[in-house]
Amino acid sequence: MNWAEFFYMGGRGVYVWGAYGVTFLVFAIEIALVRHKRRITLQQVRELREAGE
């Protein structure tokens, strides 16, 4: 088996690799959104602490 056959996957390579690509894209977006929300939440907590002092 060579690399071309591996990526071609019997004619289903575009579907398989496309599905992997979409899955990893969704994971990357989810991670970015969680990090962004965490940053906002920590900033709000800091502001609340400073307002209470």
C-alpha atoms as a PDB file:
ATOM      1  CA  MET A   1       0.000   0.000   0.000  1.00  0.00           C
ATOM      2  CA  ASN A   2       1.343   3.420  -0.881  1.00  0.00           C
ATOM      3  CA  TRP A   3       0.357   6.872   0.400  1.00  0.00           C
ATOM      4  CA  ALA A   4      -1.871   7.673  -2.572  1.00  0.00           C
ATOM      5  CA  GLU A   5      -3.948   4.548  -1.940  1.00  0.00           C
ATOM      6  CA  PHE A   6      -4.103   5.373   1.751  1.00  0.00           C
ATOM      7  CA  PHE A   7      -5.496   8.861   1.117  1.00  0.00           C
ATOM      8  CA  TYR A   8      -7.778   7.689  -1.708  1.00  0.00           C
ATOM      9  CA  MET A   9      -9.365   4.985   0.519  1.00  0.00           C
ATOM     10  CA  GLY A  10     -11.104   3.167  -2.267  1.00  0.00           C
ATOM     11  CA  GLY A  11     -12.824   6.306  -3.564  1.00  0.00           C
ATOM     12  CA  ARG A  12     -14.076   7.437  -0.166  1.00  0.00           C
ATOM     13  CA  GLY A  13     -11.039   9.500   0.823  1.00  0.00           C
ATOM     14  CA  VAL A  14     -12.643  12.880   0.182  1.00  0.00           C
ATOM     15  CA  TYR A  15     -15.573  12.015   2.444  1.00  0.00           C
ATOM     16  CA  VAL A  16     -13.414  10.475   5.181  1.00  0.00           C
ATOM     17  CA  TRP A  17     -10.758  13.208   5.248  1.00  0.00           C
ATOM     18  CA  GLY A  18     -13.415  15.885   4.902  1.00  0.00           C
ATOM     19  CA  ALA A  19     -15.226  14.484   7.933  1.00  0.00           C
ATOM     20  CA  TYR A  20     -11.980  14.470   9.922  1.00  0.00           C
ATOM     21  CA  GLY A  21     -11.298  18.044   8.833  1.00  0.00           C
ATOM     22  CA  VAL A  22     -14.737  19.282   9.876  1.00  0.00           C
ATOM     23  CA  THR A  23     -14.456  17.467  13.214  1.00  0.00           C
ATOM     24  CA  PHE A  24     -11.081  19.000  14.021  1.00  0.00           C
ATOM     25  CA  LEU A  25     -12.345  22.424  12.913  1.00  0.00           C
ATOM     26  CA  VAL A  26     -15.319  22.148  15.290  1.00  0.00           C
ATOM     27  CA  PHE A  27     -13.001  21.068  18.124  1.00  0.00           C
ATOM     28  CA  ALA A  28     -10.708  24.041  17.462  1.00  0.00           C
ATOM     29  CA  ILE A  29     -13.631  26.477  17.440  1.00  0.00           C
ATOM     30  CA  GLU A  30     -14.993  24.983  20.672  1.00  0.00           C
ATOM     31  CA  ILE A  31     -11.612  25.327  22.396  1.00  0.00           C
ATOM     32  CA  ALA A  32     -11.289  28.939  21.216  1.00  0.00           C
ATOM     33  CA  LEU A  33     -14.784  29.796  22.470  1.00  0.00           C
ATOM     34  CA  VAL A  34     -14.175  28.196  25.868  1.00  0.00           C
ATOM     35  CA  ARG A  35     -10.889  30.080  26.274  1.00  0.00           C
ATOM     36  CA  HIS A  36     -12.573  33.342  25.294  1.00  0.00           C
ATOM     37  CA  LYS A  37     -15.458  32.786  27.742  1.00  0.00           C
ATOM     38  CA  ARG A  38     -12.981  31.912  30.511  1.00  0.00           C
ATOM     39  CA  ARG A  39     -11.048  35.124  29.894  1.00  0.00           C
ATOM     40  CA  ILE A  40     -14.261  37.184  30.051  1.00  0.00           C
ATOM     41  CA  THR A  41     -15.431  35.425  33.227  1.00  0.00           C
ATOM     42  CA  LEU A  42     -12.107  35.957  34.994  1.00  0.00           C
ATOM     43  CA  GLN A  43     -12.179  39.631  34.019  1.00  0.00           C
ATOM     44  CA  GLN A  44     -15.705  39.974  35.447  1.00  0.00           C
ATOM     45  CA  VAL A  45     -14.631  38.303  38.695  1.00  0.00           C
ATOM     46  CA  ARG A  46     -11.694  40.718  38.992  1.00  0.00           C
ATOM     47  CA  GLU A  47     -13.990  43.681  38.417  1.00  0.00           C
ATOM     48  CA  LEU A  48     -16.443  42.444  41.044  1.00  0.00           C
ATOM     49  CA  ARG A  49     -13.654  41.981  43.577  1.00  0.00           C
ATOM     50  CA  GLU A  50     -12.316  45.479  42.903  1.00  0.00           C
ATOM     51  CA  ALA A  51     -15.808  46.978  43.207  1.00  0.00           C
ATOM     52  CA  GLY A  52     -16.287  45.252  46.570  1.00  0.00           C
ATOM     53  CA  GLU A  53     -13.093  46.627  48.076  1.00  0.00           C
END
